[in-house]
N, C-alpha and C. Protein backbone atom coordinates (compact mmCIF):
# COMPACT_ATOMS: atom_id res chain seq x y z
N MET A 1 0.73 -1.26 0.10
CA MET A 1 -0.30 -0.20 0.27
C MET A 1 0.80 1.08 -0.27
N ARG A 2 0.57 2.32 -1.21
CA ARG A 2 1.45 3.07 -0.73
C ARG A 2 1.42 4.22 0.24
N LYS A 3 2.38 4.94 0.63
CA LYS A 3 2.41 5.72 1.62
C LYS A 3 1.92 7.21 1.47
N PRO A 4 1.04 7.44 2.22
CA PRO A 4 0.37 8.98 1.73
C PRO A 4 1.59 10.30 1.50
N THR A 5 1.82 10.97 0.40
CA THR A 5 2.87 11.91 0.56
C THR A 5 2.00 13.27 1.44
N ILE A 6 3.21 13.77 2.01
CA ILE A 6 2.74 14.63 2.94
C ILE A 6 3.99 15.84 2.72
N LEU A 7 3.14 16.95 2.94
CA LEU A 7 3.88 18.25 2.76
C LEU A 7 3.60 19.02 3.97
N ILE A 8 4.84 19.69 4.67
CA ILE A 8 4.47 20.22 5.61
C ILE A 8 5.08 22.00 6.15
N ALA A 9 4.50 22.54 6.44
CA ALA A 9 4.44 24.36 6.36
C ALA A 9 4.42 24.83 8.01
N ASP A 10 5.47 25.67 7.86
CA ASP A 10 5.81 26.39 9.54
C ASP A 10 6.76 27.10 9.35
N ASP A 11 6.75 28.53 9.69
CA ASP A 11 7.35 29.62 9.58
C ASP A 11 8.51 29.79 10.62
N HIS A 12 8.40 28.95 11.37
CA HIS A 12 9.31 28.62 12.74
C HIS A 12 10.38 27.12 12.11
N PRO A 13 11.35 27.54 11.69
CA PRO A 13 12.54 26.41 11.11
C PRO A 13 12.56 25.22 12.16
N ILE A 14 12.91 25.66 13.53
CA ILE A 14 13.04 24.44 14.92
C ILE A 14 11.65 23.79 14.87
N LEU A 15 10.43 24.29 14.51
CA LEU A 15 9.10 23.60 14.68
C LEU A 15 9.18 22.61 13.66
N LEU A 16 9.65 23.41 12.48
CA LEU A 16 9.34 22.80 10.89
C LEU A 16 10.26 21.23 11.25
N ARG A 17 11.30 21.58 11.61
CA ARG A 17 12.41 20.58 11.47
C ARG A 17 12.21 19.61 12.66
N GLY A 18 11.61 19.59 13.81
CA GLY A 18 11.20 18.91 14.55
C GLY A 18 10.00 17.93 13.92
N LEU A 19 9.16 18.64 13.37
CA LEU A 19 7.71 17.85 13.15
C LEU A 19 8.34 16.75 11.82
N GLU A 20 9.14 17.71 10.84
CA GLU A 20 9.66 16.57 9.68
C GLU A 20 10.42 15.10 10.32
N THR A 21 11.53 15.60 11.10
CA THR A 21 12.05 14.53 11.45
C THR A 21 11.29 13.32 12.66
N PHE A 22 10.48 14.09 13.15
CA PHE A 22 9.29 12.85 13.91
C PHE A 22 8.66 12.20 12.80
N LEU A 23 8.04 12.65 11.78
CA LEU A 23 7.33 11.77 11.06
C LEU A 23 8.33 11.15 10.02
N GLN A 24 9.19 11.77 9.82
CA GLN A 24 10.33 10.94 9.30
C GLN A 24 10.98 9.19 9.75
N ASP A 25 10.89 9.83 11.36
CA ASP A 25 10.98 8.79 12.15
C ASP A 25 10.23 7.38 12.26
N HIS A 26 8.88 8.26 12.03
CA HIS A 26 7.98 7.18 12.21
C HIS A 26 7.10 6.75 10.79
N LYS A 27 8.41 6.88 9.66
CA LYS A 27 7.98 6.15 8.51
C LYS A 27 6.81 6.47 7.23
N HIS A 28 7.07 7.96 7.90
CA HIS A 28 5.84 8.99 6.92
C HIS A 28 6.42 9.31 5.57
N ASN A 29 5.90 9.66 4.53
CA ASN A 29 6.21 10.18 3.32
C ASN A 29 6.56 11.51 3.10
N VAL A 30 7.31 12.37 3.61
CA VAL A 30 7.05 13.99 3.82
C VAL A 30 7.91 14.36 2.35
N ILE A 31 7.26 14.49 1.78
CA ILE A 31 7.94 15.31 0.32
C ILE A 31 8.56 16.89 0.05
N ALA A 32 7.86 17.44 1.24
CA ALA A 32 8.18 18.97 0.94
C ALA A 32 7.90 19.15 2.34
N THR A 33 8.85 20.63 2.80
CA THR A 33 8.71 21.55 3.47
C THR A 33 8.82 23.12 3.08
N CYS A 34 8.27 23.71 3.76
CA CYS A 34 7.99 25.30 3.33
C CYS A 34 7.93 26.21 4.40
N THR A 35 8.79 27.25 4.28
CA THR A 35 8.69 28.11 5.57
C THR A 35 7.91 29.57 5.36
N ASP A 36 7.00 29.64 4.52
CA ASP A 36 6.03 30.51 4.38
C ASP A 36 4.69 30.02 3.37
N GLY A 37 3.56 30.49 3.47
CA GLY A 37 2.42 30.26 3.01
C GLY A 37 2.31 30.26 1.38
N LYS A 38 3.01 31.22 1.24
CA LYS A 38 2.85 31.20 -0.70
C LYS A 38 3.57 29.86 -1.16
N LYS A 39 5.05 29.80 -0.43
CA LYS A 39 5.53 28.53 -1.18
C LYS A 39 4.71 27.33 -0.75
N ALA A 40 4.11 27.25 0.33
CA ALA A 40 3.43 26.24 0.68
C ALA A 40 2.28 25.77 -0.28
N TYR A 41 1.75 27.16 -0.71
CA TYR A 41 0.26 26.64 -2.06
C TYR A 41 0.91 26.30 -3.23
N ASN A 42 2.30 26.91 -3.71
CA ASN A 42 2.65 26.86 -4.79
C ASN A 42 3.01 25.41 -5.12
N ALA A 43 4.00 24.91 -3.69
CA ALA A 43 4.07 23.30 -3.68
C ALA A 43 3.09 22.31 -3.77
N ILE A 44 1.87 23.03 -2.90
CA ILE A 44 0.86 22.39 -3.22
C ILE A 44 0.23 21.85 -4.53
N VAL A 45 -0.21 23.04 -5.17
CA VAL A 45 -0.39 23.28 -6.89
C VAL A 45 0.60 22.18 -7.19
N LYS A 46 1.84 22.35 -7.43
CA LYS A 46 2.92 21.28 -8.02
C LYS A 46 3.23 20.05 -7.93
N GLN A 47 3.06 19.80 -6.65
CA GLN A 47 3.38 18.38 -5.96
C GLN A 47 2.37 17.75 -5.70
N LYS A 48 1.22 18.32 -5.53
CA LYS A 48 -0.13 17.80 -5.32
C LYS A 48 -0.02 16.79 -3.99
N PRO A 49 0.19 16.95 -2.86
CA PRO A 49 0.54 16.20 -1.89
C PRO A 49 -0.73 15.49 -1.19
N ASP A 50 -0.75 14.58 -0.93
CA ASP A 50 -1.97 13.86 0.02
C ASP A 50 -2.47 14.81 1.13
N ILE A 51 -1.35 14.95 1.78
CA ILE A 51 -1.96 15.94 2.74
C ILE A 51 -1.18 16.91 3.11
N ALA A 52 -1.36 18.14 3.94
CA ALA A 52 -0.65 19.03 3.95
C ALA A 52 -0.92 19.62 5.51
N ILE A 53 0.02 19.72 6.27
CA ILE A 53 0.11 20.15 7.46
C ILE A 53 0.78 21.58 7.77
N LEU A 54 -0.25 22.49 7.88
CA LEU A 54 0.00 23.94 7.63
C LEU A 54 0.15 24.37 8.95
N ASP A 55 0.84 25.22 9.64
CA ASP A 55 0.76 26.44 10.48
C ASP A 55 -0.34 27.62 10.23
N ILE A 56 -0.80 27.93 11.10
CA ILE A 56 -2.14 29.00 10.50
C ILE A 56 -1.37 30.15 10.65
N ASP A 57 -0.43 30.82 11.20
CA ASP A 57 -0.07 32.03 11.03
C ASP A 57 1.13 32.12 10.13
N MET A 58 1.41 32.19 9.17
CA MET A 58 2.59 32.28 8.19
C MET A 58 2.46 33.74 7.45
N PRO A 59 3.70 33.92 6.91
CA PRO A 59 3.80 35.26 6.10
C PRO A 59 3.16 34.81 4.85
N ASN A 60 2.66 35.73 4.16
CA ASN A 60 2.14 35.86 3.00
C ASN A 60 0.66 35.13 2.53
N LEU A 61 0.61 33.85 3.09
CA LEU A 61 -0.73 33.18 3.12
C LEU A 61 -0.74 32.70 4.68
N THR A 62 -1.76 32.38 5.12
CA THR A 62 -2.11 31.43 6.30
C THR A 62 -2.64 30.44 6.10
N GLY A 63 -2.59 29.44 6.92
CA GLY A 63 -2.83 28.34 6.65
C GLY A 63 -4.40 27.86 6.27
N ILE A 64 -5.41 28.83 6.70
CA ILE A 64 -6.73 29.15 6.56
C ILE A 64 -6.82 29.91 4.66
N GLU A 65 -6.06 30.52 4.63
CA GLU A 65 -5.95 31.16 3.11
C GLU A 65 -5.62 29.94 2.12
N ILE A 66 -4.64 29.23 2.68
CA ILE A 66 -4.07 28.23 1.84
C ILE A 66 -5.25 27.42 1.63
N ALA A 67 -6.34 26.75 2.90
CA ALA A 67 -6.86 25.95 2.62
C ALA A 67 -8.27 26.31 1.88
N LYS A 68 -8.63 27.97 1.64
CA LYS A 68 -9.51 28.39 0.70
C LYS A 68 -9.31 28.31 -0.58
N ASN A 69 -7.89 28.85 -1.26
CA ASN A 69 -7.54 28.67 -2.27
C ASN A 69 -7.57 27.22 -3.01
N CYS A 70 -7.44 25.82 -2.07
CA CYS A 70 -7.30 24.79 -2.13
C CYS A 70 -8.64 24.19 -2.82
N LYS A 71 -9.48 24.61 -1.86
CA LYS A 71 -11.13 24.58 -2.01
C LYS A 71 -11.60 24.93 -3.63
N ARG A 72 -11.24 26.48 -3.34
CA ARG A 72 -11.66 27.00 -4.77
C ARG A 72 -11.31 26.55 -5.97
N HIS A 73 -9.81 25.97 -6.13
CA HIS A 73 -9.22 25.24 -7.17
C HIS A 73 -9.27 23.90 -7.43
N ASN A 74 -10.15 23.18 -6.04
CA ASN A 74 -10.61 21.73 -6.19
C ASN A 74 -9.11 20.86 -6.29
N LEU A 75 -8.67 21.30 -5.38
CA LEU A 75 -7.65 20.57 -5.06
C LEU A 75 -7.66 19.31 -4.00
N ASP A 76 -7.24 18.15 -4.28
CA ASP A 76 -7.44 16.81 -3.41
C ASP A 76 -6.84 16.61 -2.09
N THR A 77 -5.86 17.88 -1.92
CA THR A 77 -4.86 17.80 -0.70
C THR A 77 -6.04 17.64 0.47
N LYS A 78 -5.60 17.22 1.58
CA LYS A 78 -6.36 16.96 2.79
C LYS A 78 -5.87 18.31 3.67
N ILE A 79 -6.14 18.87 4.16
CA ILE A 79 -4.99 19.91 5.12
C ILE A 79 -5.65 19.70 6.41
N ILE A 80 -4.30 20.10 7.18
CA ILE A 80 -4.45 19.96 8.65
C ILE A 80 -3.84 20.98 9.45
N LEU A 81 -4.15 21.63 10.00
CA LEU A 81 -3.83 23.18 10.43
C LEU A 81 -3.39 22.90 11.94
N ILE A 82 -2.25 23.41 12.16
CA ILE A 82 -1.67 23.92 13.52
C ILE A 82 -1.52 24.84 13.72
N THR A 83 -2.09 25.36 15.35
CA THR A 83 -2.23 26.67 15.64
C THR A 83 -1.61 26.75 17.41
N LEU A 84 -1.57 27.80 17.62
CA LEU A 84 -1.10 27.86 19.04
C LEU A 84 -2.26 28.28 19.86
N HIS A 85 -3.27 28.89 19.20
CA HIS A 85 -4.41 29.42 19.58
C HIS A 85 -5.68 28.51 19.64
N LYS A 86 -7.11 28.65 20.55
CA LYS A 86 -7.95 27.90 20.12
C LYS A 86 -9.23 29.02 19.49
N GLU A 87 -9.00 29.23 18.22
CA GLU A 87 -9.77 30.01 17.67
C GLU A 87 -11.40 29.90 17.92
N LYS A 88 -11.91 31.00 18.12
CA LYS A 88 -13.32 31.05 17.92
C LYS A 88 -13.96 30.02 16.84
N LYS A 89 -13.75 30.52 15.59
CA LYS A 89 -14.61 30.09 14.47
C LYS A 89 -13.75 28.91 14.02
N ILE A 90 -13.25 28.02 14.65
CA ILE A 90 -12.42 26.86 14.22
C ILE A 90 -13.15 25.86 13.40
N TYR A 91 -14.59 25.44 14.05
CA TYR A 91 -15.57 24.29 13.42
C TYR A 91 -15.95 25.38 12.11
N GLU A 92 -16.28 26.55 12.36
CA GLU A 92 -16.88 27.42 11.13
C GLU A 92 -16.07 26.85 9.90
N ASN A 93 -14.73 27.45 10.12
CA ASN A 93 -13.74 27.42 8.74
C ASN A 93 -13.29 25.99 8.57
N ALA A 94 -13.66 24.78 9.43
CA ALA A 94 -13.29 23.39 8.99
C ALA A 94 -14.01 23.28 8.42
N MET A 95 -15.38 23.24 8.33
CA MET A 95 -16.71 22.85 7.58
C MET A 95 -16.85 23.81 6.18
N ARG A 96 -16.21 24.89 6.23
CA ARG A 96 -16.41 25.96 4.97
C ARG A 96 -15.44 25.57 4.17
N TYR A 97 -14.06 25.17 4.63
CA TYR A 97 -13.11 25.03 3.73
C TYR A 97 -12.37 23.62 3.51
N ASN A 98 -13.32 22.76 3.86
CA ASN A 98 -13.01 21.15 3.77
C ASN A 98 -11.62 21.03 4.45
N ILE A 99 -11.39 21.86 5.71
CA ILE A 99 -10.06 21.36 6.70
C ILE A 99 -10.09 19.99 7.60
N HIS A 100 -9.48 18.95 7.26
CA HIS A 100 -9.49 17.65 7.95
C HIS A 100 -9.23 17.51 9.14
N GLY A 101 -8.35 18.74 9.61
CA GLY A 101 -7.99 18.27 11.20
C GLY A 101 -7.51 19.63 11.76
N TYR A 102 -7.25 19.81 13.14
CA TYR A 102 -6.82 20.99 13.94
C TYR A 102 -5.95 20.34 14.71
N LEU A 103 -4.82 21.00 15.09
CA LEU A 103 -3.89 20.23 15.97
C LEU A 103 -3.32 21.58 16.69
N LEU A 104 -3.32 21.69 18.26
CA LEU A 104 -2.59 22.73 18.89
C LEU A 104 -1.27 22.18 19.10
N LYS A 105 -0.29 23.38 18.74
CA LYS A 105 0.88 23.10 18.81
C LYS A 105 1.80 22.19 20.05
N GLU A 106 1.17 22.86 21.37
CA GLU A 106 1.26 22.25 22.14
C GLU A 106 1.15 20.37 22.34
N PHE A 107 0.51 19.94 21.58
CA PHE A 107 0.11 18.35 21.75
C PHE A 107 0.62 18.21 20.10
N ALA A 108 0.99 18.80 19.19
CA ALA A 108 1.32 18.31 18.31
C ALA A 108 1.71 17.16 17.96
N LEU A 109 3.11 16.92 18.49
CA LEU A 109 3.49 15.64 18.33
C LEU A 109 2.75 14.45 18.71
N ASN A 110 2.10 15.01 19.98
CA ASN A 110 1.47 13.52 20.59
C ASN A 110 0.21 12.99 19.93
N GLU A 111 -0.32 14.03 18.93
CA GLU A 111 -1.59 13.64 18.25
C GLU A 111 -1.77 13.53 17.08
N ILE A 112 -0.21 13.85 16.30
CA ILE A 112 -0.34 13.99 15.26
C ILE A 112 -0.47 12.48 14.42
N GLU A 113 0.06 11.43 15.06
CA GLU A 113 -0.11 10.10 14.03
C GLU A 113 -1.37 9.91 14.47
N VAL A 114 -2.30 10.19 15.57
CA VAL A 114 -3.62 9.76 15.37
C VAL A 114 -4.24 10.35 14.14
N CYS A 115 -3.95 11.63 14.41
CA CYS A 115 -4.74 12.99 13.70
C CYS A 115 -4.38 12.19 12.07
N LEU A 116 -3.24 11.85 11.30
CA LEU A 116 -2.87 11.34 10.26
C LEU A 116 -3.74 10.05 10.13
N GLU A 117 -3.83 9.09 11.11
CA GLU A 117 -4.70 8.00 10.71
C GLU A 117 -5.98 8.20 10.31
N LYS A 118 -6.50 9.14 10.91
CA LYS A 118 -7.98 9.53 10.56
C LYS A 118 -8.35 10.31 9.57
N VAL A 119 -7.35 10.95 9.11
CA VAL A 119 -7.58 12.00 7.98
C VAL A 119 -7.32 10.78 6.56
N ILE A 120 -6.14 10.05 6.48
CA ILE A 120 -6.10 9.04 5.79
C ILE A 120 -7.38 8.10 5.45
N ASN A 121 -8.16 7.94 6.68
CA ASN A 121 -9.28 7.21 6.44
C ASN A 121 -10.60 7.76 6.28
N GLY A 122 -10.23 9.09 5.93
CA GLY A 122 -11.52 10.15 5.47
C GLY A 122 -11.88 10.70 6.73
N GLU A 123 -11.63 10.57 7.87
CA GLU A 123 -12.41 11.33 8.70
C GLU A 123 -11.46 12.83 9.27
N SER A 124 -12.39 13.25 10.03
CA SER A 124 -11.40 14.57 10.48
C SER A 124 -10.95 14.14 12.13
N TYR A 125 -10.21 14.83 12.42
CA TYR A 125 -9.57 14.80 13.56
C TYR A 125 -9.36 16.38 14.25
N PHE A 126 -9.98 16.34 15.33
CA PHE A 126 -9.81 18.16 16.19
C PHE A 126 -8.97 17.76 17.74
N SER A 127 -7.85 18.24 18.09
CA SER A 127 -7.12 17.99 19.05
C SER A 127 -8.20 17.97 20.40
N LYS A 128 -8.09 17.41 21.41
CA LYS A 128 -9.05 17.13 22.17
C LYS A 128 -9.45 18.05 22.92
N LYS A 129 -8.68 19.16 23.27
CA LYS A 129 -8.92 20.50 23.82
C LYS A 129 -9.66 21.48 23.10
N ILE A 130 -9.62 21.22 21.60
CA ILE A 130 -10.59 22.20 20.78
C ILE A 130 -11.57 21.71 20.36
N TYR A 131 -11.90 20.10 20.37
CA TYR A 131 -13.06 19.53 20.10
C TYR A 131 -13.96 19.53 21.60
N LYS A 132 -13.39 19.66 22.43
CA LYS A 132 -14.38 19.78 24.09
C LYS A 132 -14.72 21.54 23.66
N ARG A 133 -13.89 22.53 23.17
CA ARG A 133 -14.49 23.60 23.47
C ARG A 133 -15.58 24.20 21.99
N PHE A 134 -15.31 23.24 21.07
CA PHE A 134 -16.27 23.37 20.20
C PHE A 134 -17.65 22.65 20.43
N LEU A 135 -17.54 21.92 21.33
CA LEU A 135 -18.88 21.25 21.25
C LEU A 135 -19.80 22.12 22.80
N LYS A 136 -18.97 22.84 23.51
CA LYS A 136 -19.34 23.60 24.41
C LYS A 136 -19.87 24.83 23.63
N THR A 137 -19.32 25.42 22.56
CA THR A 137 -19.52 26.40 21.93
C THR A 137 -20.87 26.09 21.30
N SER A 138 -20.95 25.07 20.45
CA SER A 138 -21.92 24.81 19.26
C SER A 138 -23.37 24.63 20.33
N ASP A 139 -23.19 24.15 21.62
CA ASP A 139 -24.44 23.77 22.72
C ASP A 139 -24.95 25.08 22.86
N ALA A 140 -24.12 25.99 23.26
CA ALA A 140 -24.40 27.56 23.71
C ALA A 140 -25.02 28.04 22.61
N ASN A 141 -24.42 28.24 21.17
CA ASN A 141 -25.04 28.62 20.02
C ASN A 141 -26.76 28.04 19.79
N ALA A 142 -26.79 26.66 19.79
CA ALA A 142 -28.11 26.11 19.88
C ALA A 142 -29.18 26.99 20.64
N MET A 143 -28.51 27.29 21.88
CA MET A 143 -29.44 27.55 22.84
C MET A 143 -29.75 28.97 22.92
N LEU A 144 -28.76 29.81 22.21
CA LEU A 144 -28.82 31.22 21.92
C LEU A 144 -30.14 31.28 20.64
N GLU A 145 -29.97 30.55 19.51
CA GLU A 145 -30.78 30.50 18.47
C GLU A 145 -32.39 30.61 19.10
N ASN A 146 -32.85 29.92 20.47
CA ASN A 146 -33.97 30.27 21.05
C ASN A 146 -34.52 31.16 21.43
N LEU A 147 -33.51 32.20 21.75
CA LEU A 147 -33.72 33.58 22.42
C LEU A 147 -34.10 34.81 21.23
N THR A 148 -35.74 35.51 21.87
CA THR A 148 -36.06 36.29 21.31
C THR A 148 -34.73 37.61 20.93
N PRO A 149 -34.76 38.72 20.28
CA PRO A 149 -34.06 39.83 20.19
C PRO A 149 -33.96 40.48 21.19
N SER A 150 -35.06 40.83 22.01
CA SER A 150 -35.09 41.50 23.13
C SER A 150 -34.23 40.55 24.69
N GLU A 151 -34.58 39.16 24.52
CA GLU A 151 -33.83 38.49 25.36
C GLU A 151 -32.59 38.37 25.05
N ILE A 152 -31.95 38.49 23.95
CA ILE A 152 -30.45 38.61 23.40
C ILE A 152 -29.98 40.17 23.80
N LYS A 153 -30.58 41.07 24.00
CA LYS A 153 -30.52 42.30 24.32
C LYS A 153 -30.02 42.70 25.96
N ILE A 154 -31.17 41.64 26.49
CA ILE A 154 -31.34 41.64 28.06
C ILE A 154 -29.91 40.92 28.49
N LEU A 155 -29.78 39.67 27.73
CA LEU A 155 -28.86 38.75 28.29
C LEU A 155 -27.06 39.32 28.21
N LYS A 156 -27.17 40.22 26.91
CA LYS A 156 -26.15 41.26 27.00
C LYS A 156 -25.80 41.78 28.17
N LEU A 157 -26.66 42.69 28.63
CA LEU A 157 -26.86 43.79 29.59
C LEU A 157 -26.59 43.20 31.03
N VAL A 158 -27.00 41.75 31.15
CA VAL A 158 -26.97 40.86 32.44
C VAL A 158 -25.29 40.53 32.29
N ALA A 159 -24.59 40.27 31.20
CA ALA A 159 -22.94 39.98 30.82
C ALA A 159 -22.34 40.92 31.51
N GLU A 160 -22.57 42.25 31.43
CA GLU A 160 -22.10 43.61 31.87
C GLU A 160 -22.34 43.66 33.53
N GLU A 161 -23.06 42.53 34.20
CA GLU A 161 -23.39 42.97 35.31
C GLU A 161 -24.34 43.59 35.94
N MET A 162 -25.39 44.25 34.95
CA MET A 162 -26.37 45.28 35.58
C MET A 162 -27.53 44.46 35.87
N THR A 163 -28.00 45.31 37.00
CA THR A 163 -29.48 44.71 37.68
C THR A 163 -30.43 44.74 37.00
N SER A 164 -31.60 44.26 36.93
CA SER A 164 -33.00 44.35 36.48
C SER A 164 -33.33 45.57 36.36
N ASN A 165 -33.22 46.63 37.16
CA ASN A 165 -33.59 48.08 37.40
C ASN A 165 -32.62 48.71 36.67
N GLU A 166 -31.50 48.53 36.62
CA GLU A 166 -30.70 49.27 35.54
C GLU A 166 -31.25 49.09 34.46
N ILE A 167 -31.33 47.78 33.95
CA ILE A 167 -31.73 47.39 32.60
C ILE A 167 -32.91 48.00 31.92
N ALA A 168 -33.96 47.93 33.04
CA ALA A 168 -35.27 48.48 33.11
C ALA A 168 -35.16 50.09 32.34
N ASN A 169 -34.12 51.05 33.39
CA ASN A 169 -33.98 52.23 32.68
C ASN A 169 -33.30 52.31 31.73
N MET A 170 -32.43 51.51 31.15
CA MET A 170 -31.74 51.59 30.01
C MET A 170 -32.72 51.25 28.85
N LEU A 171 -33.26 50.45 28.77
CA LEU A 171 -34.38 49.90 27.86
C LEU A 171 -35.99 50.62 28.23
N ASN A 172 -36.09 51.21 29.15
CA ASN A 172 -37.28 52.09 28.76
C ASN A 172 -38.62 51.42 28.89
N ILE A 173 -38.40 50.18 30.10
CA ILE A 173 -39.45 48.90 30.48
C ILE A 173 -39.34 48.81 31.64
N SER A 174 -40.40 48.19 32.35
CA SER A 174 -40.70 47.90 33.53
C SER A 174 -39.48 47.04 34.19
N PRO A 175 -39.18 47.01 35.37
CA PRO A 175 -38.39 45.84 36.01
C PRO A 175 -39.21 44.69 36.02
N ARG A 176 -40.30 44.52 36.31
CA ARG A 176 -41.14 43.21 36.01
C ARG A 176 -41.18 43.04 34.69
N THR A 177 -41.08 43.49 33.46
CA THR A 177 -40.56 43.16 32.32
C THR A 177 -39.70 42.58 32.37
N VAL A 178 -38.51 43.44 32.55
CA VAL A 178 -37.31 42.28 32.69
C VAL A 178 -37.15 41.34 33.68
N SER A 179 -37.77 41.16 34.43
CA SER A 179 -37.98 39.93 35.31
C SER A 179 -38.57 39.03 34.48
N ASN A 180 -39.51 38.92 33.90
CA ASN A 180 -40.45 37.97 33.12
C ASN A 180 -39.03 37.33 31.96
N HIS A 181 -38.59 38.48 31.33
CA HIS A 181 -37.57 38.11 29.79
C HIS A 181 -36.21 37.29 30.65
N ARG A 182 -36.17 37.89 32.14
CA ARG A 182 -34.92 36.57 32.63
C ARG A 182 -35.51 35.51 32.78
N GLY A 183 -36.38 35.50 33.51
CA GLY A 183 -37.26 33.93 33.88
C GLY A 183 -37.25 33.11 32.33
N ASN A 184 -37.67 33.79 31.47
CA ASN A 184 -38.03 33.24 29.98
C ASN A 184 -36.22 32.62 29.47
N ILE A 185 -35.47 33.61 29.69
CA ILE A 185 -34.44 33.29 29.31
C ILE A 185 -33.60 31.79 30.05
N VAL A 186 -33.47 31.96 31.25
CA VAL A 186 -33.23 31.14 32.32
C VAL A 186 -33.90 29.57 31.66
N LYS A 187 -35.21 29.73 31.68
CA LYS A 187 -36.04 28.54 30.92
C LYS A 187 -35.62 27.85 29.64
N LYS A 188 -35.43 29.06 28.66
CA LYS A 188 -34.94 28.67 27.35
C LYS A 188 -33.61 27.87 27.12
N LEU A 189 -32.54 28.29 28.17
CA LEU A 189 -31.16 28.34 28.50
C LEU A 189 -30.81 26.87 29.24
N LYS A 190 -32.10 26.37 29.76
CA LYS A 190 -32.04 25.24 30.61
C LYS A 190 -30.93 25.27 32.00
N LEU A 191 -30.95 26.31 32.66
CA LEU A 191 -30.29 26.88 33.89
C LEU A 191 -31.29 26.28 34.96
N HIS A 192 -30.36 26.12 36.19
CA HIS A 192 -31.23 25.82 37.44
C HIS A 192 -31.40 27.37 37.89
N PRO A 193 -32.39 27.16 38.35
CA PRO A 193 -33.27 28.78 38.81
C PRO A 193 -32.22 28.85 40.46
N LYS A 194 -31.18 29.16 40.28
CA LYS A 194 -30.30 29.64 41.52
C LYS A 194 -29.99 30.99 41.24
N PRO A 195 -29.47 31.66 42.66
CA PRO A 195 -28.80 32.71 42.38
C PRO A 195 -27.89 33.12 41.40
N ASN A 196 -27.71 34.04 40.66
CA ASN A 196 -26.31 34.21 39.89
C ASN A 196 -26.02 33.29 38.46
N ALA A 197 -27.08 32.33 38.71
CA ALA A 197 -27.04 31.20 37.34
C ALA A 197 -27.04 32.09 36.40
N LEU A 198 -28.13 33.10 35.74
CA LEU A 198 -28.14 33.72 34.39
C LEU A 198 -26.81 34.38 34.57
N LEU A 199 -26.36 35.42 35.20
CA LEU A 199 -25.20 36.13 35.36
C LEU A 199 -23.84 35.12 34.71
N ILE A 200 -23.81 34.17 35.74
CA ILE A 200 -22.48 33.04 35.65
C ILE A 200 -22.77 32.88 33.77
N TRP A 201 -23.53 32.52 33.37
CA TRP A 201 -23.78 32.04 32.09
C TRP A 201 -23.28 32.59 31.37
N ALA A 202 -23.91 33.91 31.08
CA ALA A 202 -23.59 34.95 30.59
C ALA A 202 -22.26 35.83 30.22
N GLN A 203 -21.70 35.36 31.49
CA GLN A 203 -20.44 36.33 31.37
C GLN A 203 -19.11 34.72 30.64
N LYS A 204 -19.91 33.80 30.84
CA LYS A 204 -19.02 32.49 30.51
C LYS A 204 -19.16 32.64 28.68
N HIS A 205 -20.07 32.87 28.47
CA HIS A 205 -20.34 32.78 27.06
C HIS A 205 -20.55 34.11 26.32
N LYS A 206 -19.99 35.19 26.91
CA LYS A 206 -19.96 36.37 26.46
C LYS A 206 -19.22 37.03 25.14
N GLU A 207 -18.72 36.21 24.69
CA GLU A 207 -18.07 36.32 23.08
C GLU A 207 -19.23 36.05 22.51
N LEU A 208 -19.88 35.20 22.47
CA LEU A 208 -20.95 34.50 22.05
C LEU A 208 -22.00 35.84 21.44
N ILE A 209 -22.23 36.44 22.46
CA ILE A 209 -23.43 37.44 22.82
C ILE A 209 -23.13 38.68 22.12
N GLU A 210 -21.92 38.74 21.79
CA GLU A 210 -21.58 40.25 21.85
C GLU A 210 -22.23 40.80 20.43
């Protein structure tokens, strides 16, 4: 069985060399290494590797921009991205640009073998911490879709630690109306009716409701 061909791109030479050595030591077929995004994309077009392992933050073209170009030009290379960050839109980008794997740099060497096995078999792989974050974020987004625009507006103010009276004054409505809205939000978010439960949830997911 033919070993899949692999291209690696990272603008940090030490990290690039370390990953290349690791993969070669584990008998993987690394056919090219690149230190910037444009060179990586050109190499993908020319050499058509089965898999490209790309750093997200690179000069000239980012890993995501390379993935966009690959999809736009119907290139078959499967993209695995490596990042230092837990980006908010990881899952959205993965679905939109047909990215097959996301690894955090701190765990890359520990997870790359499993990731490659999954990708070679036509599956996707996310670093465990990224996957957990995605699950929590997607669940929260699904719940937020059940809220009305007025409830979202109140939830934003709750996240700012405003009281019901302060919210009522700002929105020019009665405190009772605010309390009713808050009660409905608690039910829709399936929160336990305990003190500060709504405030804790709103602050935890503040970036989703901004």
